[in-house]
Amino acid sequence: MKKLSKISYSRLNGLTGHSCRIRQAAYCSYFLTDFVTTCTKTSSTLTIKGRVDLSVLFYMNGICFSHIFHTLLTLITSLCTQDTSCSSCVSNFLFDSNVLTPDADVLFYKPQRLCLCLQRLFLRSMGRMVETLLWVWIVLGSEVCSDSLPGITDAKFIDDCVSEHNRARSSVNPPASDMLYMTWDEGLAITARAWARHCRFEHNIYLKDVRRVHPTFDSVGENLWIGSPQSSFTVKGAMQSWVKEKVFYNYNNNACTNECRHYTQVVWASSYKVGCAVQLCQNGVIGGFGNRETVNFVCNYAVGGNVIGMKPYNSQGTACSRCDGTCVDRLCCYTWAPDWDPVQAYSDSNYVDILVVRPIALILTFIAAYAVHHFYPDTFCYE
């Protein structure tokens, strides 16, 4: 018998015990059926999938494998005894693998070796099918990993992006007197996602044509981060890589000793809107880590910062001293509303008027009336 692959031998030797002997009989029955088809029709039409389906069918229906095995052995022996060209019968038996078959004499006159050979061939075919399924699983697994990254509508992702930005903005030193509180913008997030999908570690080439990146803002800024493997990505971790650049920024001179423009964009006072997106680039990022799977994280800002010659924020006065609205955690909350809005009648400033000024005015009115009546009793005439 010609030498078979080590894989086939190892898998075959692993089939022991009563249940495994039943499976062995099923495999033999299956291939013998295919062999008979070949001898009678000179070609086999069964594929690997067909063989597996039929084997499962035998097992699930509880067919007596031993009986099928011996019956088919008798049939194949009689067929090959009547046919003097058994070698052609062997050559017509089409396998889905390149495993070599034993010599014809050994195959037909040693039924036990016939069963053994067919088992090996079946296991080799099964091995190839399992290998294919593993590749499919790997590909699908990659897609699952890609989907496991948060989308631009993920509530936690949005909250993390906004809170990390505002945390950095409220902790600037020296304190900012005009730092606006930052909130999420869906349009900026859509733009960030679109550019992240390009898997390029360079700024969006369309930023100069602002109408192609956002429908309303006059300018849009951008920060980029890449990392590998996928498990290395967190919003906080990516943000920290930008915020740590503050050690290279000198506020008094408004100059950088190293790369610090990511940081200055994060703390740009007038950038009050942010939208971020993260994308898994399975074939790597251009300008990144080669072909290694890479996470691409992009944040867009409005209005855009890093204007040449300008400082990111104003430090004159105390924190929030230049705010038009309320101050929350040393950040100016944007609370503009039209003066004709009925709700404005119940704003905080009007509460002071209603609860303090008006009662005092009423009390003073009573006091004035009593004083006039006391000193000028004839002023008020009653009849």
Protein backbone atom coordinates (compact mmCIF):
# COMPACT_ATOMS: atom_id res chain seq x y z
CA MET A 1 0.00 0.00 0.00
CA LYS A 2 1.36 3.41 -0.93
CA LYS A 3 2.16 5.84 1.82
CA LEU A 4 -0.66 8.08 3.01
CA SER A 5 -0.36 11.46 4.70
CA LYS A 6 0.53 11.74 8.38
CA ILE A 7 -2.62 13.76 8.94
CA SER A 8 -4.78 10.87 7.73
CA TYR A 9 -2.95 8.37 9.95
CA SER A 10 -3.20 10.49 13.06
CA ARG A 11 -6.92 11.14 12.60
CA LEU A 12 -7.60 7.50 11.87
CA ASN A 13 -5.70 6.32 14.94
CA GLY A 14 -7.79 8.67 17.03
CA LEU A 15 -10.98 6.76 16.16
CA THR A 16 -11.28 4.28 19.01
CA GLY A 17 -14.05 2.97 21.21
CA HIS A 18 -17.53 1.66 20.43
CA SER A 19 -19.00 4.91 19.06
CA CYS A 20 -15.95 5.46 16.89
CA ARG A 21 -16.22 1.95 15.47
CA ILE A 22 -19.79 2.77 14.48
CA ARG A 23 -18.58 5.89 12.73
CA GLN A 24 -15.88 3.88 10.99
CA ALA A 25 -18.53 1.51 9.67
CA ALA A 26 -20.57 4.48 8.51
CA TYR A 27 -17.61 5.93 6.64
CA CYS A 28 -16.89 2.58 4.99
CA SER A 29 -20.53 2.14 4.00
CA TYR A 30 -20.58 5.62 2.58
CA PHE A 31 -17.52 5.23 0.41
CA LEU A 32 -18.42 1.76 -0.67
CA THR A 33 -21.72 3.13 -1.91
CA ASP A 34 -19.80 5.74 -3.87
CA PHE A 35 -17.47 3.03 -5.16
CA VAL A 36 -20.35 0.91 -6.44
CA THR A 37 -21.76 3.97 -8.21
CA THR A 38 -18.39 4.46 -9.85
CA CYS A 39 -18.10 0.84 -11.00
CA THR A 40 -21.52 0.86 -12.56
CA LYS A 41 -21.49 4.36 -14.08
CA THR A 42 -17.73 4.77 -14.66
CA SER A 43 -17.79 8.07 -12.80
CA SER A 44 -18.65 9.38 -9.36
CA THR A 45 -20.90 12.38 -8.90
CA LEU A 46 -20.67 12.63 -5.11
CA THR A 47 -18.89 15.69 -3.71
CA ILE A 48 -17.47 16.17 -0.24
CA LYS A 49 -20.70 17.85 0.84
CA GLY A 50 -22.72 14.97 -0.58
CA ARG A 51 -20.63 12.42 1.26
CA VAL A 52 -20.93 14.27 4.55
CA ASP A 53 -24.70 14.73 4.13
CA LEU A 54 -25.22 11.04 3.41
CA SER A 55 -23.03 10.01 6.33
CA VAL A 56 -25.02 12.23 8.67
CA LEU A 57 -28.23 10.80 7.23
CA PHE A 58 -27.08 7.26 8.01
CA TYR A 59 -26.17 8.19 11.54
CA MET A 60 -29.31 10.17 12.33
CA ASN A 61 -31.66 7.46 11.07
CA GLY A 62 -30.00 4.73 13.12
CA ILE A 63 -29.25 2.43 10.17
CA CYS A 64 -27.37 -0.73 11.07
CA PHE A 65 -23.91 0.18 9.81
CA SER A 66 -22.50 -3.29 10.31
CA HIS A 67 -25.16 -4.81 8.06
CA ILE A 68 -24.64 -2.18 5.36
CA PHE A 69 -20.89 -2.65 5.57
CA HIS A 70 -20.95 -6.42 5.02
CA THR A 71 -23.64 -6.20 2.33
CA LEU A 72 -21.69 -3.66 0.34
CA LEU A 73 -18.46 -5.58 0.81
CA THR A 74 -20.10 -8.65 -0.71
CA LEU A 75 -21.49 -6.56 -3.56
CA ILE A 76 -18.22 -4.86 -4.39
CA THR A 77 -16.33 -8.16 -4.28
CA SER A 78 -18.78 -9.81 -6.67
CA LEU A 79 -18.70 -6.86 -9.04
CA CYS A 80 -14.94 -6.79 -9.22
CA THR A 81 -14.75 -10.57 -9.58
CA GLN A 82 -16.95 -10.41 -12.67
CA ASP A 83 -15.06 -7.40 -14.05
CA THR A 84 -11.55 -8.23 -15.22
CA SER A 85 -10.62 -4.56 -15.43
CA CYS A 86 -10.79 -3.74 -11.78
CA SER A 87 -7.89 -1.34 -12.15
CA SER A 88 -10.02 0.91 -14.36
CA CYS A 89 -12.74 0.73 -11.73
CA VAL A 90 -10.26 2.00 -9.17
CA SER A 91 -9.02 4.78 -11.44
CA ASN A 92 -12.57 5.96 -12.08
CA PHE A 93 -13.20 6.44 -8.37
CA LEU A 94 -12.98 10.23 -8.11
CA PHE A 95 -11.77 11.62 -4.82
CA ASP A 96 -11.75 15.26 -3.80
CA SER A 97 -8.17 15.04 -2.54
CA ASN A 98 -4.81 14.01 -3.92
CA VAL A 99 -4.29 11.12 -1.49
CA LEU A 100 -2.91 8.08 -3.33
CA THR A 101 -4.98 4.89 -3.39
CA PRO A 102 -3.54 1.43 -2.72
CA ASP A 103 -2.82 -1.06 -5.47
CA ALA A 104 -5.83 -2.78 -6.99
CA ASP A 105 -4.89 -6.27 -5.77
CA VAL A 106 -4.54 -5.14 -2.18
CA LEU A 107 -7.72 -3.09 -2.43
CA PHE A 108 -10.04 -5.84 -3.66
CA TYR A 109 -8.68 -8.94 -1.97
CA LYS A 110 -8.16 -7.36 1.43
CA PRO A 111 -11.59 -5.97 2.37
CA GLN A 112 -10.35 -4.78 5.75
CA ARG A 113 -7.65 -2.73 4.09
CA LEU A 114 -10.27 -1.43 1.70
CA CYS A 115 -12.24 -0.09 4.62
CA LEU A 116 -9.08 1.34 6.16
CA CYS A 117 -8.12 3.10 2.97
CA LEU A 118 -11.56 4.57 2.46
CA GLN A 119 -11.64 5.80 6.02
CA ARG A 120 -8.35 7.60 5.48
CA LEU A 121 -9.57 9.14 2.27
CA PHE A 122 -12.75 10.30 3.96
CA LEU A 123 -10.85 11.82 6.87
CA ARG A 124 -8.50 13.60 4.47
CA SER A 125 -11.48 15.07 2.63
CA MET A 126 -13.01 16.05 5.95
CA GLY A 127 -9.72 17.71 6.92
CA ARG A 128 -9.82 19.87 3.81
CA MET A 129 -13.41 20.81 4.46
CA VAL A 130 -12.62 21.74 8.07
CA GLU A 131 -9.70 23.84 6.86
CA THR A 132 -12.02 25.69 4.49
CA LEU A 133 -14.54 26.25 7.28
CA LEU A 134 -11.78 27.61 9.51
CA TRP A 135 -10.84 30.16 6.86
CA VAL A 136 -14.48 31.17 6.55
CA TRP A 137 -14.67 31.51 10.31
CA ILE A 138 -11.54 33.68 10.36
CA VAL A 139 -12.96 35.99 7.69
CA LEU A 140 -16.34 36.21 9.41
CA GLY A 141 -14.56 36.69 12.71
CA SER A 142 -12.75 39.66 11.26
CA GLU A 143 -16.06 41.16 10.19
CA VAL A 144 -17.42 40.58 13.69
CA CYS A 145 -14.38 42.31 15.12
CA SER A 146 -14.96 45.19 12.76
CA ASP A 147 -18.56 45.46 13.86
CA SER A 148 -17.52 45.31 17.51
CA LEU A 149 -16.04 48.81 17.26
CA PRO A 150 -18.62 51.44 18.27
CA GLY A 151 -20.57 53.33 15.63
CA ILE A 152 -21.26 57.04 15.53
CA THR A 153 -24.70 56.51 17.07
CA ASP A 154 -23.42 54.46 20.01
CA ALA A 155 -24.45 56.34 23.15
CA LYS A 156 -21.41 55.35 25.22
CA PHE A 157 -19.03 56.21 22.38
CA ILE A 158 -20.60 59.66 22.02
CA ASP A 159 -20.52 60.27 25.77
CA ASP A 160 -16.87 59.18 26.00
CA CYS A 161 -15.83 61.46 23.14
CA VAL A 162 -17.65 64.50 24.54
CA SER A 163 -16.66 63.99 28.19
CA GLU A 164 -12.97 63.39 27.40
CA HIS A 165 -12.82 66.55 25.33
CA ASN A 166 -14.54 68.65 27.98
CA ARG A 167 -12.32 67.19 30.69
CA ALA A 168 -9.25 68.35 28.79
CA ARG A 169 -10.78 71.76 28.04
CA SER A 170 -11.74 72.47 31.66
CA SER A 171 -8.27 71.61 32.96
CA VAL A 172 -6.18 74.00 30.83
CA ASN A 173 -3.47 76.00 32.53
CA PRO A 174 -3.66 78.96 32.70
CA PRO A 175 -7.46 78.81 33.05
CA ALA A 176 -9.56 79.92 30.10
CA SER A 177 -12.00 82.77 30.43
CA ASP A 178 -13.85 81.95 27.19
CA MET A 179 -13.65 78.15 26.78
CA LEU A 180 -16.96 76.87 25.35
CA TYR A 181 -18.54 73.65 26.52
CA MET A 182 -18.28 71.08 23.69
CA THR A 183 -21.24 69.01 22.45
CA TRP A 184 -21.76 66.31 19.82
CA ASP A 185 -22.56 67.07 16.18
CA GLU A 186 -23.92 64.29 13.97
CA GLY A 187 -22.78 65.94 10.74
CA LEU A 188 -19.17 66.11 11.94
CA ALA A 189 -19.38 62.45 13.01
CA ILE A 190 -20.61 61.44 9.54
CA THR A 191 -17.68 63.29 7.97
CA ALA A 192 -15.23 61.63 10.39
CA ARG A 193 -16.63 58.19 9.58
CA ALA A 194 -16.43 58.80 5.83
CA TRP A 195 -12.77 59.82 6.02
CA ALA A 196 -11.85 57.04 8.49
CA ARG A 197 -13.07 54.51 5.91
CA HIS A 198 -10.36 55.69 3.51
CA CYS A 199 -7.80 54.18 5.92
CA ARG A 200 -5.24 56.92 5.32
CA PHE A 201 -3.14 58.49 8.07
CA GLU A 202 -3.37 62.01 6.68
CA HIS A 203 -5.84 64.85 7.06
CA ASN A 204 -9.03 64.92 5.04
CA ILE A 205 -8.20 66.40 1.64
CA TYR A 206 -11.67 67.98 1.46
CA LEU A 207 -11.38 70.14 4.59
CA LYS A 208 -10.54 73.23 2.53
CA ASP A 209 -13.81 72.83 0.64
CA VAL A 210 -15.91 73.16 3.77
CA ARG A 211 -19.27 72.62 2.03
CA ARG A 212 -18.15 69.07 1.20
CA VAL A 213 -17.51 68.21 4.85
CA HIS A 214 -20.38 69.99 6.63
CA PRO A 215 -23.59 71.71 5.52
CA THR A 216 -23.50 74.70 7.90
CA PHE A 217 -20.14 75.46 9.54
CA ASP A 218 -17.65 77.81 7.92
CA SER A 219 -14.59 75.83 9.02
CA VAL A 220 -13.86 72.29 10.26
CA GLY A 221 -10.82 71.04 12.16
CA GLU A 222 -9.56 67.46 12.51
CA ASN A 223 -7.47 65.17 14.71
CA LEU A 224 -6.23 61.67 13.76
CA TRP A 225 -5.10 58.63 15.75
CA ILE A 226 -4.14 55.11 14.67
CA GLY A 227 -3.35 52.04 16.75
CA SER A 228 -2.86 48.29 16.57
CA PRO A 229 -4.15 45.76 17.55
CA GLN A 230 -7.85 46.47 17.75
CA SER A 231 -7.89 45.80 21.50
CA SER A 232 -5.55 48.77 22.00
CA PHE A 233 -8.28 51.27 21.15
CA THR A 234 -10.24 53.22 23.72
CA VAL A 235 -11.54 56.75 23.33
CA LYS A 236 -9.72 57.78 26.50
CA GLY A 237 -6.43 56.25 25.34
CA ALA A 238 -6.60 57.93 21.93
CA MET A 239 -7.53 61.26 23.52
CA GLN A 240 -4.68 61.02 26.01
CA SER A 241 -2.18 60.73 23.17
CA TRP A 242 -3.40 64.17 21.99
CA VAL A 243 -3.72 65.77 25.42
CA LYS A 244 -0.21 64.68 26.45
CA GLU A 245 1.15 67.03 23.80
CA LYS A 246 0.45 69.94 26.17
CA VAL A 247 3.96 69.48 27.60
CA PHE A 248 5.28 70.69 24.24
CA TYR A 249 3.05 73.78 24.16
CA ASN A 250 4.05 77.14 25.64
CA TYR A 251 0.97 79.32 26.12
CA ASN A 252 2.85 82.57 26.71
CA ASN A 253 4.83 82.24 23.48
CA ASN A 254 2.05 80.38 21.67
CA ALA A 255 4.69 77.99 20.32
CA CYS A 256 5.37 74.24 20.18
CA THR A 257 8.72 72.57 20.91
CA ASN A 258 7.35 69.38 19.34
CA GLU A 259 4.08 68.24 17.78
CA CYS A 260 1.26 69.84 19.81
CA ARG A 261 -1.41 70.82 17.28
CA HIS A 262 -3.64 67.91 18.29
CA TYR A 263 -3.73 69.34 21.81
CA THR A 264 -4.37 72.93 20.70
CA GLN A 265 -7.30 71.76 18.57
CA VAL A 266 -8.79 69.88 21.52
CA VAL A 267 -8.64 73.03 23.70
CA TRP A 268 -9.50 75.58 21.02
CA ALA A 269 -12.00 77.79 22.84
CA SER A 270 -14.43 78.47 19.99
CA SER A 271 -14.59 74.82 18.85
CA TYR A 272 -17.83 73.94 20.57
CA LYS A 273 -18.89 70.99 18.37
CA VAL A 274 -17.21 67.59 17.90
CA GLY A 275 -17.97 64.44 15.93
CA CYS A 276 -15.79 61.31 15.96
CA ALA A 277 -15.68 57.89 14.28
CA VAL A 278 -13.55 54.77 14.50
CA GLN A 279 -12.85 52.27 11.70
CA LEU A 280 -11.01 48.94 11.59
CA CYS A 281 -8.71 48.84 8.54
CA GLN A 282 -8.01 45.15 7.99
CA ASN A 283 -5.32 45.75 5.37
CA GLY A 284 -3.61 48.49 7.34
CA VAL A 285 -3.60 52.28 7.06
CA ILE A 286 -1.69 54.10 4.36
CA GLY A 287 1.10 55.93 6.16
CA GLY A 288 0.61 53.76 9.25
CA PHE A 289 1.91 50.33 10.30
CA GLY A 290 2.10 48.72 6.87
CA ASN A 291 -0.38 45.93 6.13
CA ARG A 292 -1.06 45.20 9.78
CA GLU A 293 -4.71 45.44 10.87
CA THR A 294 -5.11 48.96 12.27
CA VAL A 295 -7.74 51.02 14.09
CA ASN A 296 -8.31 54.46 12.55
CA PHE A 297 -9.85 57.08 14.88
CA VAL A 298 -10.90 60.48 13.50
CA CYS A 299 -12.44 63.52 15.23
CA ASN A 300 -13.75 66.61 13.46
CA TYR A 301 -14.36 69.98 15.12
CA ALA A 302 -16.38 73.11 14.43
CA VAL A 303 -15.48 75.77 14.24
CA GLY A 304 -12.01 74.68 13.17
CA GLY A 305 -9.07 75.62 15.38
CA ASN A 306 -5.32 76.04 14.98
CA VAL A 307 -5.63 79.41 13.25
CA ILE A 308 -2.14 80.74 12.59
CA GLY A 309 -1.14 83.59 14.93
CA MET A 310 -3.97 82.99 17.40
CA LYS A 311 -3.86 81.41 20.86
CA PRO A 312 -6.29 78.56 21.49
CA TYR A 313 -8.10 80.45 24.26
CA ASN A 314 -8.12 83.68 26.26
CA SER A 315 -6.63 83.58 29.74
CA GLN A 316 -7.39 87.16 30.84
CA GLY A 317 -9.65 87.15 33.86
CA THR A 318 -10.95 84.20 35.81
CA ALA A 319 -12.39 81.02 34.38
CA CYS A 320 -15.66 81.68 32.53
CA SER A 321 -15.39 85.44 33.10
CA ARG A 322 -16.09 86.06 29.41
CA CYS A 323 -19.07 83.72 29.25
CA ASP A 324 -22.35 85.01 27.88
CA GLY A 325 -24.27 82.10 29.38
CA THR A 326 -23.76 79.93 32.42
CA CYS A 327 -20.48 78.42 33.66
CA VAL A 328 -20.23 74.65 34.20
CA ASP A 329 -16.95 73.13 35.38
CA ARG A 330 -15.00 76.19 34.15
CA LEU A 331 -16.62 75.95 30.72
CA CYS A 332 -19.03 78.40 29.12
CA CYS A 333 -22.36 76.80 28.29
CA TYR A 334 -23.94 78.23 25.18
CA THR A 335 -27.49 79.25 26.18
CA TRP A 336 -28.58 81.65 23.45
CA ALA A 337 -32.29 81.86 22.62
CA PRO A 338 -34.38 84.45 20.73
CA ASP A 339 -35.68 87.29 22.87
CA TRP A 340 -39.22 86.57 21.69
CA ASP A 341 -39.20 83.03 23.11
CA PRO A 342 -41.96 82.83 25.79
CA VAL A 343 -39.71 80.60 27.87
CA GLN A 344 -37.35 83.54 28.34
CA ALA A 345 -39.97 85.13 30.62
CA TYR A 346 -38.98 82.47 33.16
CA SER A 347 -35.23 82.64 32.74
CA ASP A 348 -32.91 82.78 35.76
CA SER A 349 -32.51 86.55 35.56
CA ASN A 350 -36.29 87.05 35.68
CA TYR A 351 -36.54 84.80 38.72
CA VAL A 352 -34.49 87.35 40.65
CA ASP A 353 -36.83 90.12 39.53
CA ILE A 354 -39.93 88.19 40.53
CA LEU A 355 -38.74 86.75 43.85
CA VAL A 356 -36.64 89.67 45.18
CA VAL A 357 -37.14 93.01 43.46
CA ARG A 358 -40.93 92.97 43.26
CA PRO A 359 -41.56 92.06 46.93
CA ILE A 360 -39.15 94.79 48.06
CA ALA A 361 -40.84 97.33 45.81
CA LEU A 362 -44.22 96.36 47.25
CA ILE A 363 -42.98 96.77 50.81
CA LEU A 364 -41.49 100.17 50.04
CA THR A 365 -44.81 101.23 48.52
CA PHE A 366 -46.68 100.40 51.75
CA ILE A 367 -44.05 102.23 53.81
CA ALA A 368 -44.31 105.32 51.64
CA ALA A 369 -48.11 105.33 51.88
CA TYR A 370 -47.99 105.02 55.70
CA ALA A 371 -45.47 107.87 56.00
CA VAL A 372 -47.57 110.22 53.86
CA HIS A 373 -50.67 109.42 55.89
CA HIS A 374 -48.79 109.97 59.17
CA PHE A 375 -47.26 113.32 58.33
CA TYR A 376 -50.03 114.61 56.15
CA PRO A 377 -53.24 113.21 57.63
CA ASP A 378 -55.45 115.49 55.57
CA THR A 379 -53.97 114.37 52.33
CA PHE A 380 -56.32 111.41 52.05
CA CYS A 381 -60.00 112.32 52.46
CA TYR A 382 -62.60 109.74 53.22
CA GLU A 383 -66.32 110.32 53.20
